């Protein structure tokens, strides 16, 4: 099962967040309970430039075999201790296309699902394409924010530049499909991606929401 956390940290905990982003990986790699994982910074998801970054909100995405044990692990407790709010979603892959850091991390296991879904996109932007990418983003993010059926969306990334993505929550698979395949701005971005080859690596995944608590907007 996959679990996603996002924390709004205390202003005084910003130094902790930067240290944890660097050191959590060593703890998680040694855990027999954890498979694929990524520590994440977040942003408004409007321009995907460093100006978007939110130094008070951080996240963690992990494949775990025992969710309760992970929820009470040292890493999670440290983030929780330094936070004012926590969002957690337990999710299961419906579909996944592409790679993340050279891996295909999400194995689809849900065949039919009509409930809430979460979409995770992630891309490694080609070095010489950042400016073109940033110019093309605003129309897409504007259409995303106003998309029917969208519950919430934020930008995510492993670094301020070059590794960008989105984490969005939708009322249903239909609402997500309508945005992805029927929105003019999104279709234009897809066409531009093919033309300019913005990405050296990309991933698009959809997940069934098995359990969710808190809000990513807090």
N, C-alpha and C. Protein backbone atom coordinates (compact mmCIF):
# COMPACT_ATOMS: atom_id res chain seq x y z
N UNK A 1 0.84 -1.18 0.00
CA UNK A 1 0.00 0.00 0.00
C UNK A 1 0.89 1.25 0.00
N UNK A 2 0.37 2.32 -0.58
CA UNK A 2 1.11 3.58 -0.63
C UNK A 2 0.49 4.54 0.38
N UNK A 3 1.32 5.27 1.10
CA UNK A 3 0.83 6.28 2.03
C UNK A 3 1.51 7.60 1.70
N UNK A 4 0.71 8.67 1.69
CA UNK A 4 1.22 10.02 1.40
C UNK A 4 0.95 10.91 2.60
N UNK A 5 1.97 11.60 3.05
CA UNK A 5 1.84 12.56 4.16
C UNK A 5 2.21 13.95 3.66
N UNK A 6 1.50 14.95 4.18
CA UNK A 6 1.92 16.34 4.03
C UNK A 6 1.74 17.02 5.36
N UNK A 7 2.77 17.74 5.78
CA UNK A 7 2.73 18.43 7.07
C UNK A 7 2.88 19.94 6.88
N UNK A 8 2.11 20.68 7.65
CA UNK A 8 2.36 22.11 7.78
C UNK A 8 3.18 22.28 9.06
N UNK A 9 4.41 22.70 8.91
CA UNK A 9 5.31 22.75 10.06
C UNK A 9 5.25 24.11 10.75
N UNK A 10 5.72 24.12 11.97
CA UNK A 10 5.84 25.37 12.72
C UNK A 10 6.93 26.23 12.07
N UNK A 11 6.75 27.55 12.03
CA UNK A 11 7.80 28.41 11.44
C UNK A 11 9.18 28.16 12.05
N UNK A 12 9.21 27.86 13.35
CA UNK A 12 10.49 27.61 14.00
C UNK A 12 11.12 26.29 13.58
N UNK A 13 10.35 25.44 12.88
CA UNK A 13 10.84 24.11 12.51
C UNK A 13 11.41 24.05 11.10
N UNK A 14 11.54 25.18 10.43
CA UNK A 14 12.08 25.17 9.07
C UNK A 14 13.49 24.55 9.03
N UNK A 15 14.39 24.89 9.95
CA UNK A 15 15.71 24.22 9.92
C UNK A 15 15.58 22.70 10.07
N UNK A 16 14.68 22.26 10.96
CA UNK A 16 14.45 20.81 11.11
C UNK A 16 14.06 20.19 9.77
N UNK A 17 13.16 20.86 9.03
CA UNK A 17 12.66 20.30 7.77
C UNK A 17 13.79 20.09 6.77
N UNK A 18 14.69 21.05 6.65
CA UNK A 18 15.80 20.90 5.70
C UNK A 18 16.74 19.77 6.12
N UNK A 19 16.97 19.63 7.42
CA UNK A 19 17.84 18.54 7.89
C UNK A 19 17.15 17.20 7.67
N UNK A 20 15.84 17.14 7.97
CA UNK A 20 15.11 15.88 7.80
C UNK A 20 15.05 15.46 6.34
N UNK A 21 14.89 16.43 5.44
CA UNK A 21 14.87 16.11 4.02
C UNK A 21 16.17 15.43 3.59
N UNK A 22 17.26 15.83 4.22
CA UNK A 22 18.56 15.27 3.87
C UNK A 22 18.82 13.93 4.54
N UNK A 23 18.30 13.74 5.77
CA UNK A 23 18.69 12.59 6.57
C UNK A 23 17.65 11.48 6.66
N UNK A 24 16.37 11.80 6.42
CA UNK A 24 15.34 10.76 6.53
C UNK A 24 15.61 9.57 5.63
N UNK A 25 16.19 9.83 4.48
CA UNK A 25 16.41 8.74 3.52
C UNK A 25 17.26 7.62 4.10
N UNK A 26 18.21 7.98 4.97
CA UNK A 26 19.08 6.95 5.53
C UNK A 26 18.32 6.05 6.50
N UNK A 27 17.38 6.64 7.23
CA UNK A 27 16.54 5.84 8.14
C UNK A 27 15.57 4.98 7.34
N UNK A 28 14.93 5.56 6.33
CA UNK A 28 13.93 4.84 5.56
C UNK A 28 14.54 3.70 4.76
N UNK A 29 15.74 3.90 4.24
CA UNK A 29 16.40 2.84 3.46
C UNK A 29 16.69 1.62 4.31
N UNK A 30 16.89 1.80 5.60
CA UNK A 30 17.20 0.67 6.48
C UNK A 30 15.95 -0.05 7.00
N UNK A 31 14.79 0.52 6.72
CA UNK A 31 13.55 -0.06 7.24
C UNK A 31 13.05 -1.19 6.35
N UNK A 32 12.79 -2.34 6.94
CA UNK A 32 12.24 -3.47 6.19
C UNK A 32 10.77 -3.25 5.84
N UNK A 33 10.16 -2.23 6.42
CA UNK A 33 8.75 -1.92 6.21
C UNK A 33 8.54 -1.00 5.00
N UNK A 34 9.62 -0.42 4.50
CA UNK A 34 9.50 0.62 3.48
C UNK A 34 10.14 0.17 2.17
N UNK A 35 9.40 0.35 1.07
CA UNK A 35 9.95 0.10 -0.25
C UNK A 35 10.32 1.43 -0.90
N UNK A 36 9.68 1.74 -2.01
CA UNK A 36 9.92 3.02 -2.69
C UNK A 36 9.46 4.16 -1.79
N UNK A 37 10.24 5.25 -1.76
CA UNK A 37 9.83 6.43 -0.99
C UNK A 37 10.46 7.68 -1.59
N UNK A 38 9.81 8.81 -1.35
CA UNK A 38 10.35 10.10 -1.76
C UNK A 38 9.95 11.16 -0.73
N UNK A 39 10.94 11.91 -0.25
CA UNK A 39 10.69 13.09 0.56
C UNK A 39 10.43 14.25 -0.39
N UNK A 40 9.45 15.10 -0.05
CA UNK A 40 8.98 16.10 -1.00
C UNK A 40 8.87 17.49 -0.38
N UNK A 41 9.32 18.47 -1.15
CA UNK A 41 8.96 19.85 -0.87
C UNK A 41 7.65 20.14 -1.58
N UNK A 42 7.01 21.23 -1.24
CA UNK A 42 5.74 21.56 -1.89
C UNK A 42 5.71 23.03 -2.29
N UNK A 43 4.72 23.34 -3.12
CA UNK A 43 4.53 24.72 -3.54
C UNK A 43 3.09 24.94 -3.96
N UNK A 44 2.81 26.14 -4.41
CA UNK A 44 1.44 26.46 -4.83
C UNK A 44 1.06 25.75 -6.11
N UNK A 45 2.04 25.31 -6.88
CA UNK A 45 1.74 24.62 -8.12
C UNK A 45 1.19 25.55 -9.18
N UNK A 46 1.59 26.81 -9.16
CA UNK A 46 1.08 27.79 -10.11
C UNK A 46 2.07 28.08 -11.23
N UNK A 47 3.36 28.17 -10.90
CA UNK A 47 4.37 28.46 -11.91
C UNK A 47 5.48 27.41 -11.96
N UNK A 48 5.61 26.59 -10.88
CA UNK A 48 6.65 25.58 -10.77
C UNK A 48 8.05 26.18 -10.83
N UNK A 49 8.17 27.42 -10.41
CA UNK A 49 9.46 28.07 -10.23
C UNK A 49 9.79 28.08 -8.74
N UNK A 50 11.02 28.43 -8.35
CA UNK A 50 11.34 28.50 -6.93
C UNK A 50 10.45 29.46 -6.16
N UNK A 51 9.86 30.44 -6.84
CA UNK A 51 8.97 31.39 -6.17
C UNK A 51 7.71 30.72 -5.64
N UNK A 52 7.38 29.55 -6.18
CA UNK A 52 6.21 28.79 -5.76
C UNK A 52 6.39 28.09 -4.41
N UNK A 53 7.62 27.88 -4.01
CA UNK A 53 7.92 26.99 -2.89
C UNK A 53 7.26 27.45 -1.60
N UNK A 54 6.79 26.50 -0.83
CA UNK A 54 6.19 26.77 0.48
C UNK A 54 7.10 26.15 1.54
N UNK A 55 7.86 26.97 2.27
CA UNK A 55 8.81 26.42 3.24
C UNK A 55 8.14 25.84 4.48
N UNK A 56 6.83 26.01 4.60
CA UNK A 56 6.12 25.50 5.77
C UNK A 56 5.34 24.22 5.49
N UNK A 57 5.41 23.72 4.27
CA UNK A 57 4.68 22.47 3.98
C UNK A 57 5.63 21.49 3.29
N UNK A 58 5.66 20.27 3.84
CA UNK A 58 6.57 19.24 3.35
C UNK A 58 5.83 17.91 3.28
N UNK A 59 6.35 16.99 2.51
CA UNK A 59 5.63 15.74 2.33
C UNK A 59 6.53 14.53 2.26
N UNK A 60 5.89 13.38 2.33
CA UNK A 60 6.58 12.10 2.21
C UNK A 60 5.64 11.10 1.55
N UNK A 61 6.12 10.43 0.54
CA UNK A 61 5.37 9.40 -0.17
C UNK A 61 6.12 8.09 -0.02
N UNK A 62 5.44 7.04 0.42
CA UNK A 62 6.15 5.79 0.69
C UNK A 62 5.27 4.57 0.43
N UNK A 63 5.91 3.53 -0.08
CA UNK A 63 5.27 2.22 -0.17
C UNK A 63 5.64 1.46 1.10
N UNK A 64 4.63 1.03 1.85
CA UNK A 64 4.89 0.37 3.13
C UNK A 64 4.09 -0.93 3.22
N UNK A 65 4.60 -1.87 4.00
CA UNK A 65 3.89 -3.13 4.20
C UNK A 65 3.01 -3.09 5.44
N UNK A 66 3.35 -2.25 6.41
CA UNK A 66 2.56 -2.12 7.65
C UNK A 66 2.33 -0.64 7.90
N UNK A 67 1.14 -0.17 7.56
CA UNK A 67 0.85 1.27 7.66
C UNK A 67 0.84 1.73 9.11
N UNK A 68 0.27 0.94 10.02
CA UNK A 68 0.21 1.36 11.42
C UNK A 68 1.61 1.50 12.01
N UNK A 69 2.48 0.57 11.69
CA UNK A 69 3.85 0.66 12.20
C UNK A 69 4.56 1.89 11.63
N UNK A 70 4.34 2.15 10.35
CA UNK A 70 4.97 3.32 9.74
C UNK A 70 4.43 4.61 10.34
N UNK A 71 3.13 4.64 10.65
CA UNK A 71 2.51 5.82 11.22
C UNK A 71 3.07 6.14 12.60
N UNK A 72 3.64 5.15 13.23
CA UNK A 72 4.22 5.35 14.57
C UNK A 72 5.74 5.25 14.55
N UNK A 73 6.33 5.38 13.38
CA UNK A 73 7.78 5.28 13.24
C UNK A 73 8.46 6.57 13.67
N UNK A 74 9.77 6.48 13.85
CA UNK A 74 10.57 7.63 14.29
C UNK A 74 10.43 8.80 13.31
N UNK A 75 10.52 8.51 12.00
CA UNK A 75 10.48 9.59 11.01
C UNK A 75 9.15 10.34 11.07
N UNK A 76 8.05 9.61 11.10
CA UNK A 76 6.73 10.26 11.12
C UNK A 76 6.52 11.02 12.43
N UNK A 77 6.91 10.45 13.53
CA UNK A 77 6.75 11.13 14.82
C UNK A 77 7.55 12.42 14.89
N UNK A 78 8.74 12.45 14.29
CA UNK A 78 9.54 13.66 14.29
C UNK A 78 8.85 14.77 13.49
N UNK A 79 8.32 14.43 12.31
CA UNK A 79 7.59 15.43 11.52
C UNK A 79 6.35 15.90 12.28
N UNK A 80 5.64 14.96 12.86
CA UNK A 80 4.40 15.30 13.58
C UNK A 80 4.70 16.23 14.76
N UNK A 81 5.79 15.99 15.44
CA UNK A 81 6.16 16.80 16.60
C UNK A 81 6.47 18.24 16.19
N UNK A 82 6.93 18.43 14.96
CA UNK A 82 7.30 19.76 14.50
C UNK A 82 6.23 20.43 13.63
N UNK A 83 5.02 19.87 13.62
CA UNK A 83 3.98 20.34 12.72
C UNK A 83 2.76 20.87 13.46
N UNK A 84 2.00 21.69 12.77
CA UNK A 84 0.73 22.18 13.31
C UNK A 84 -0.45 21.45 12.70
N UNK A 85 -0.26 20.78 11.56
CA UNK A 85 -1.32 19.97 10.96
C UNK A 85 -0.70 18.87 10.11
N UNK A 86 -1.49 17.82 9.90
CA UNK A 86 -1.01 16.68 9.12
C UNK A 86 -2.11 16.17 8.20
N UNK A 87 -1.73 15.90 6.96
CA UNK A 87 -2.60 15.22 6.00
C UNK A 87 -2.02 13.85 5.75
N UNK A 88 -2.92 12.83 5.72
CA UNK A 88 -2.44 11.50 5.38
C UNK A 88 -3.46 10.82 4.48
N UNK A 89 -2.99 10.22 3.41
CA UNK A 89 -3.84 9.45 2.51
C UNK A 89 -3.24 8.08 2.29
N UNK A 90 -4.06 7.06 2.46
CA UNK A 90 -3.67 5.69 2.13
C UNK A 90 -4.27 5.39 0.76
N UNK A 91 -3.43 5.06 -0.19
CA UNK A 91 -3.87 4.96 -1.58
C UNK A 91 -3.37 3.67 -2.23
N UNK A 92 -4.05 3.26 -3.30
CA UNK A 92 -3.70 2.06 -4.03
C UNK A 92 -3.75 2.36 -5.52
N UNK A 93 -2.76 1.94 -6.26
CA UNK A 93 -2.61 2.34 -7.66
C UNK A 93 -3.69 1.74 -8.56
N UNK A 94 -4.29 2.63 -9.38
CA UNK A 94 -5.21 2.22 -10.43
C UNK A 94 -4.44 2.08 -11.75
N UNK A 95 -3.59 3.05 -12.02
CA UNK A 95 -2.77 3.01 -13.23
C UNK A 95 -1.52 3.84 -13.00
N UNK A 96 -0.47 3.52 -13.74
CA UNK A 96 0.78 4.27 -13.62
C UNK A 96 1.56 4.11 -14.91
N UNK A 97 2.00 5.25 -15.44
CA UNK A 97 2.75 5.25 -16.69
C UNK A 97 4.00 6.12 -16.52
N UNK A 98 5.14 5.57 -16.87
CA UNK A 98 6.37 6.33 -16.79
C UNK A 98 7.25 5.89 -15.63
N UNK A 99 8.30 6.68 -15.38
CA UNK A 99 9.27 6.33 -14.36
C UNK A 99 9.54 7.50 -13.42
N UNK A 100 10.03 7.15 -12.22
CA UNK A 100 10.42 8.13 -11.22
C UNK A 100 11.83 7.74 -10.78
N UNK A 101 12.80 8.58 -11.13
CA UNK A 101 14.20 8.31 -10.80
C UNK A 101 14.64 6.95 -11.31
N UNK A 102 14.18 6.61 -12.52
CA UNK A 102 14.60 5.38 -13.14
C UNK A 102 13.81 4.15 -12.75
N UNK A 103 12.81 4.30 -11.88
CA UNK A 103 12.00 3.18 -11.44
C UNK A 103 10.56 3.34 -11.92
N UNK A 104 9.88 2.21 -12.02
CA UNK A 104 8.42 2.20 -12.18
C UNK A 104 7.85 1.79 -10.83
N UNK A 105 7.58 2.77 -9.96
CA UNK A 105 7.37 2.46 -8.54
C UNK A 105 5.98 1.95 -8.17
N UNK A 106 4.97 2.21 -8.99
CA UNK A 106 3.61 1.90 -8.59
C UNK A 106 3.02 0.80 -9.46
N UNK A 107 2.70 -0.32 -8.85
CA UNK A 107 2.12 -1.45 -9.56
C UNK A 107 0.60 -1.39 -9.43
N UNK A 108 -0.14 -1.19 -10.52
CA UNK A 108 -1.60 -1.11 -10.43
C UNK A 108 -2.20 -2.40 -9.87
N UNK A 109 -3.13 -2.22 -8.93
CA UNK A 109 -3.79 -3.37 -8.31
C UNK A 109 -5.29 -3.18 -8.18
N UNK A 110 -5.80 -2.02 -8.60
CA UNK A 110 -7.24 -1.74 -8.54
C UNK A 110 -7.78 -1.71 -9.96
N UNK A 111 -8.80 -2.54 -10.22
CA UNK A 111 -9.35 -2.62 -11.57
C UNK A 111 -10.58 -1.74 -11.75
N UNK A 112 -11.43 -1.66 -10.74
CA UNK A 112 -12.64 -0.85 -10.84
C UNK A 112 -12.75 0.04 -9.61
N UNK A 113 -13.00 1.32 -9.86
CA UNK A 113 -13.06 2.27 -8.74
C UNK A 113 -13.88 3.48 -9.15
N UNK A 114 -14.88 3.82 -8.33
CA UNK A 114 -15.73 4.97 -8.61
C UNK A 114 -15.64 6.06 -7.55
N UNK A 115 -14.79 5.84 -6.55
CA UNK A 115 -14.70 6.81 -5.46
C UNK A 115 -13.66 7.89 -5.73
N UNK A 116 -13.24 8.57 -4.67
CA UNK A 116 -12.25 9.63 -4.79
C UNK A 116 -10.92 9.05 -5.29
N UNK A 117 -10.24 9.85 -6.09
CA UNK A 117 -8.95 9.43 -6.63
C UNK A 117 -7.91 10.53 -6.39
N UNK A 118 -6.68 10.09 -6.34
CA UNK A 118 -5.54 11.01 -6.25
C UNK A 118 -4.68 10.80 -7.49
N UNK A 119 -4.26 11.90 -8.09
CA UNK A 119 -3.35 11.85 -9.23
C UNK A 119 -2.00 12.40 -8.80
N UNK A 120 -0.95 11.70 -9.14
CA UNK A 120 0.41 12.16 -8.88
C UNK A 120 1.13 12.24 -10.22
N UNK A 121 1.61 13.43 -10.54
CA UNK A 121 2.45 13.59 -11.72
C UNK A 121 3.84 13.99 -11.25
N UNK A 122 4.83 13.59 -12.02
CA UNK A 122 6.20 13.95 -11.68
C UNK A 122 7.01 13.98 -12.95
N UNK A 123 7.84 14.99 -13.11
CA UNK A 123 8.65 15.11 -14.32
C UNK A 123 10.03 15.66 -14.00
N UNK A 124 11.00 15.14 -14.73
CA UNK A 124 12.35 15.70 -14.70
C UNK A 124 12.47 16.57 -15.95
N UNK A 125 12.57 17.86 -15.75
CA UNK A 125 12.57 18.80 -16.87
C UNK A 125 13.96 18.85 -17.49
N UNK A 126 14.00 18.70 -18.78
CA UNK A 126 15.28 18.77 -19.49
C UNK A 126 15.95 20.11 -19.21
N UNK A 127 17.26 20.08 -19.05
CA UNK A 127 18.02 21.24 -18.57
C UNK A 127 17.74 22.51 -19.36
N UNK A 128 17.63 22.42 -20.67
CA UNK A 128 17.49 23.62 -21.50
C UNK A 128 16.03 23.99 -21.76
N UNK A 129 15.10 23.29 -21.09
CA UNK A 129 13.69 23.53 -21.37
C UNK A 129 12.94 24.21 -20.23
N UNK A 130 13.62 24.58 -19.14
CA UNK A 130 12.93 25.14 -17.99
C UNK A 130 12.15 26.42 -18.32
N UNK A 131 12.75 27.33 -19.09
CA UNK A 131 12.08 28.59 -19.38
C UNK A 131 10.83 28.37 -20.21
N UNK A 132 10.90 27.51 -21.23
CA UNK A 132 9.73 27.21 -22.04
C UNK A 132 8.65 26.55 -21.20
N UNK A 133 9.07 25.64 -20.33
CA UNK A 133 8.12 24.96 -19.46
C UNK A 133 7.41 25.94 -18.54
N UNK A 134 8.17 26.83 -17.89
CA UNK A 134 7.57 27.79 -16.98
C UNK A 134 6.58 28.72 -17.69
N UNK A 135 6.88 29.09 -18.93
CA UNK A 135 5.96 29.96 -19.66
C UNK A 135 4.65 29.24 -20.00
N UNK A 136 4.71 27.95 -20.18
CA UNK A 136 3.52 27.19 -20.57
C UNK A 136 2.65 26.77 -19.39
N UNK A 137 3.18 26.84 -18.17
CA UNK A 137 2.47 26.32 -17.01
C UNK A 137 1.23 27.11 -16.60
N UNK A 138 1.26 28.46 -16.53
CA UNK A 138 0.12 29.19 -15.97
C UNK A 138 -1.25 28.84 -16.54
N UNK A 139 -1.44 28.71 -17.87
CA UNK A 139 -2.78 28.34 -18.36
C UNK A 139 -3.25 26.99 -17.85
N UNK A 140 -2.33 26.05 -17.72
CA UNK A 140 -2.71 24.71 -17.25
C UNK A 140 -3.10 24.75 -15.78
N UNK A 141 -2.32 25.45 -14.96
CA UNK A 141 -2.64 25.50 -13.54
C UNK A 141 -3.92 26.27 -13.29
N UNK A 142 -4.19 27.29 -14.10
CA UNK A 142 -5.45 28.02 -13.96
C UNK A 142 -6.63 27.12 -14.27
N UNK A 143 -6.51 26.29 -15.30
CA UNK A 143 -7.59 25.38 -15.65
C UNK A 143 -7.72 24.27 -14.62
N UNK A 144 -6.60 23.85 -14.03
CA UNK A 144 -6.66 22.84 -12.98
C UNK A 144 -7.42 23.35 -11.77
N UNK A 145 -7.10 24.56 -11.33
CA UNK A 145 -7.73 25.11 -10.13
C UNK A 145 -9.24 25.25 -10.28
N UNK A 146 -9.71 25.44 -11.52
CA UNK A 146 -11.14 25.63 -11.74
C UNK A 146 -11.82 24.38 -12.30
N UNK A 147 -11.11 23.26 -12.34
CA UNK A 147 -11.65 22.04 -12.95
C UNK A 147 -12.79 21.47 -12.10
N UNK A 148 -13.91 21.14 -12.71
CA UNK A 148 -15.00 20.50 -11.97
C UNK A 148 -14.54 19.18 -11.36
N UNK A 149 -14.88 18.97 -10.11
CA UNK A 149 -14.52 17.73 -9.44
C UNK A 149 -13.19 17.74 -8.73
N UNK A 150 -12.42 18.82 -8.86
CA UNK A 150 -11.16 18.92 -8.13
C UNK A 150 -11.44 19.26 -6.67
N UNK A 151 -10.85 18.51 -5.75
CA UNK A 151 -10.98 18.78 -4.32
C UNK A 151 -9.83 19.65 -3.84
N UNK A 152 -8.61 19.32 -4.23
CA UNK A 152 -7.43 20.09 -3.82
C UNK A 152 -6.25 19.69 -4.69
N UNK A 153 -5.29 20.61 -4.82
CA UNK A 153 -4.08 20.33 -5.60
C UNK A 153 -2.93 21.18 -5.10
N UNK A 154 -1.74 20.59 -5.07
CA UNK A 154 -0.53 21.33 -4.71
C UNK A 154 0.59 20.88 -5.64
N UNK A 155 1.64 21.70 -5.70
CA UNK A 155 2.84 21.31 -6.42
C UNK A 155 3.76 20.53 -5.50
N UNK A 156 4.47 19.58 -6.06
CA UNK A 156 5.44 18.79 -5.29
C UNK A 156 6.75 18.72 -6.05
N UNK A 157 7.83 18.45 -5.33
CA UNK A 157 9.12 18.32 -6.00
C UNK A 157 10.21 17.89 -5.04
N UNK A 158 11.20 17.22 -5.59
CA UNK A 158 12.35 16.81 -4.79
C UNK A 158 13.43 17.87 -4.77
N UNK A 159 13.29 18.89 -5.61
CA UNK A 159 14.26 19.98 -5.68
C UNK A 159 13.53 21.22 -6.19
N UNK A 160 14.01 22.42 -5.88
CA UNK A 160 13.33 23.64 -6.33
C UNK A 160 13.26 23.81 -7.83
N UNK A 161 14.23 23.25 -8.55
CA UNK A 161 14.28 23.40 -10.01
C UNK A 161 14.52 22.04 -10.65
N UNK A 162 13.77 21.76 -11.71
CA UNK A 162 14.06 20.60 -12.54
C UNK A 162 13.29 19.33 -12.22
N UNK A 163 12.83 19.17 -10.96
CA UNK A 163 12.07 17.98 -10.56
C UNK A 163 10.73 18.46 -10.04
N UNK A 164 9.72 18.41 -10.89
CA UNK A 164 8.45 19.04 -10.57
C UNK A 164 7.30 18.05 -10.71
N UNK A 165 6.22 18.32 -9.98
CA UNK A 165 5.06 17.46 -10.09
C UNK A 165 3.85 18.07 -9.43
N UNK A 166 2.76 17.31 -9.42
CA UNK A 166 1.53 17.74 -8.77
C UNK A 166 0.94 16.58 -7.99
N UNK A 167 0.23 16.93 -6.95
CA UNK A 167 -0.53 15.99 -6.13
C UNK A 167 -1.93 16.55 -6.06
N UNK A 168 -2.89 15.87 -6.66
CA UNK A 168 -4.26 16.40 -6.72
C UNK A 168 -5.27 15.35 -6.30
N UNK A 169 -6.33 15.82 -5.66
CA UNK A 169 -7.40 14.96 -5.16
C UNK A 169 -8.68 15.28 -5.93
N UNK A 170 -9.36 14.23 -6.41
CA UNK A 170 -10.53 14.40 -7.27
C UNK A 170 -11.71 13.62 -6.72
N UNK A 171 -12.90 14.13 -7.01
CA UNK A 171 -14.11 13.49 -6.54
C UNK A 171 -14.32 12.11 -7.16
N UNK A 172 -13.85 11.93 -8.39
CA UNK A 172 -14.09 10.67 -9.10
C UNK A 172 -13.09 10.50 -10.23
N UNK A 173 -12.94 9.27 -10.73
CA UNK A 173 -12.09 9.05 -11.91
C UNK A 173 -12.58 9.83 -13.12
N UNK A 174 -13.90 9.98 -13.26
CA UNK A 174 -14.45 10.72 -14.40
C UNK A 174 -14.01 12.17 -14.39
N UNK A 175 -14.03 12.80 -13.22
CA UNK A 175 -13.62 14.20 -13.12
C UNK A 175 -12.17 14.36 -13.53
N UNK A 176 -11.31 13.44 -13.11
CA UNK A 176 -9.90 13.50 -13.48
C UNK A 176 -9.72 13.28 -14.97
N UNK A 177 -10.41 12.31 -15.52
CA UNK A 177 -10.29 12.05 -16.97
C UNK A 177 -10.76 13.24 -17.79
N UNK A 178 -11.83 13.89 -17.35
CA UNK A 178 -12.34 15.05 -18.10
C UNK A 178 -11.31 16.16 -18.14
N UNK A 179 -10.61 16.38 -17.02
CA UNK A 179 -9.57 17.41 -17.01
C UNK A 179 -8.39 17.00 -17.89
N UNK A 180 -7.98 15.74 -17.76
CA UNK A 180 -6.77 15.28 -18.45
C UNK A 180 -6.93 15.21 -19.96
N UNK A 181 -8.14 14.89 -20.43
CA UNK A 181 -8.30 14.62 -21.86
C UNK A 181 -9.24 15.58 -22.59
N UNK A 182 -9.99 16.39 -21.84
CA UNK A 182 -10.93 17.28 -22.50
C UNK A 182 -10.62 18.76 -22.30
N UNK A 183 -9.70 19.06 -21.40
CA UNK A 183 -9.36 20.46 -21.15
C UNK A 183 -8.45 21.01 -22.24
N UNK A 184 -8.82 22.16 -22.78
CA UNK A 184 -8.03 22.75 -23.88
C UNK A 184 -6.60 23.08 -23.45
N UNK A 185 -6.46 23.69 -22.26
CA UNK A 185 -5.12 24.09 -21.80
C UNK A 185 -4.23 22.87 -21.58
N UNK A 186 -4.81 21.82 -21.00
CA UNK A 186 -4.03 20.62 -20.73
C UNK A 186 -3.64 19.93 -22.03
N UNK A 187 -4.56 19.87 -22.99
CA UNK A 187 -4.25 19.25 -24.28
C UNK A 187 -3.18 20.04 -25.03
N UNK A 188 -3.23 21.38 -24.90
CA UNK A 188 -2.20 22.21 -25.53
C UNK A 188 -0.83 21.93 -24.91
N UNK A 189 -0.82 21.73 -23.59
CA UNK A 189 0.45 21.43 -22.91
C UNK A 189 0.99 20.07 -23.35
N UNK A 190 0.09 19.10 -23.54
CA UNK A 190 0.52 17.77 -24.01
C UNK A 190 1.15 17.88 -25.39
N UNK A 191 0.51 18.67 -26.26
CA UNK A 191 1.05 18.86 -27.61
C UNK A 191 2.41 19.55 -27.56
N UNK A 192 2.55 20.55 -26.67
CA UNK A 192 3.82 21.26 -26.55
C UNK A 192 4.91 20.35 -25.99
N UNK A 193 4.51 19.44 -25.11
CA UNK A 193 5.47 18.49 -24.57
C UNK A 193 6.06 17.62 -25.67
N UNK A 194 5.19 17.18 -26.57
CA UNK A 194 5.66 16.37 -27.70
C UNK A 194 6.58 17.18 -28.62
N UNK A 195 6.25 18.45 -28.80
CA UNK A 195 7.01 19.29 -29.72
C UNK A 195 8.37 19.66 -29.15
N UNK A 196 8.39 20.11 -27.89
CA UNK A 196 9.63 20.67 -27.32
C UNK A 196 10.44 19.66 -26.50
N UNK A 197 9.85 18.50 -26.22
CA UNK A 197 10.55 17.48 -25.43
C UNK A 197 11.03 18.06 -24.10
N UNK A 198 10.07 18.63 -23.37
CA UNK A 198 10.40 19.26 -22.09
C UNK A 198 11.04 18.29 -21.10
N UNK A 199 10.56 17.05 -21.11
CA UNK A 199 10.90 16.14 -20.03
C UNK A 199 11.93 15.09 -20.46
N UNK A 200 12.87 14.83 -19.57
CA UNK A 200 13.77 13.71 -19.78
C UNK A 200 13.24 12.46 -19.06
N UNK A 201 12.25 12.66 -18.19
CA UNK A 201 11.59 11.57 -17.50
C UNK A 201 10.24 12.08 -17.00
N UNK A 202 9.19 11.26 -17.10
CA UNK A 202 7.89 11.69 -16.63
C UNK A 202 7.08 10.51 -16.12
N UNK A 203 6.13 10.83 -15.23
CA UNK A 203 5.29 9.82 -14.62
C UNK A 203 3.90 10.40 -14.41
N UNK A 204 2.88 9.59 -14.70
CA UNK A 204 1.50 9.96 -14.38
C UNK A 204 0.84 8.75 -13.75
N UNK A 205 0.34 8.92 -12.52
CA UNK A 205 -0.27 7.81 -11.79
C UNK A 205 -1.60 8.23 -11.19
N UNK A 206 -2.54 7.26 -11.17
CA UNK A 206 -3.83 7.47 -10.54
C UNK A 206 -4.00 6.45 -9.42
N UNK A 207 -4.62 6.90 -8.32
CA UNK A 207 -4.75 6.04 -7.14
C UNK A 207 -6.17 6.09 -6.57
N UNK A 208 -6.64 4.94 -6.11
CA UNK A 208 -7.88 4.88 -5.34
C UNK A 208 -7.58 5.34 -3.91
N UNK A 209 -8.43 6.19 -3.36
CA UNK A 209 -8.26 6.67 -1.99
C UNK A 209 -8.93 5.68 -1.04
N UNK A 210 -8.13 4.95 -0.30
CA UNK A 210 -8.66 3.99 0.67
C UNK A 210 -8.99 4.64 1.99
N UNK A 211 -8.20 5.65 2.34
CA UNK A 211 -8.42 6.35 3.61
C UNK A 211 -7.77 7.72 3.51
N UNK A 212 -8.40 8.73 4.07
CA UNK A 212 -7.83 10.07 4.01
C UNK A 212 -8.23 10.85 5.26
N UNK A 213 -7.26 11.55 5.83
CA UNK A 213 -7.54 12.40 6.98
C UNK A 213 -6.77 13.70 6.84
N UNK A 214 -7.35 14.76 7.35
CA UNK A 214 -6.72 16.07 7.26
C UNK A 214 -6.92 16.70 5.91
N UNK A 215 -6.26 17.83 5.70
CA UNK A 215 -6.37 18.58 4.44
C UNK A 215 -5.00 19.04 3.99
N UNK A 216 -4.75 18.95 2.67
CA UNK A 216 -3.48 19.46 2.16
C UNK A 216 -3.50 20.97 2.03
N UNK A 217 -4.64 21.58 2.24
CA UNK A 217 -4.74 23.04 2.15
C UNK A 217 -4.48 23.74 3.47
N UNK A 218 -4.40 22.98 4.57
CA UNK A 218 -4.17 23.59 5.87
C UNK A 218 -2.70 23.99 6.04
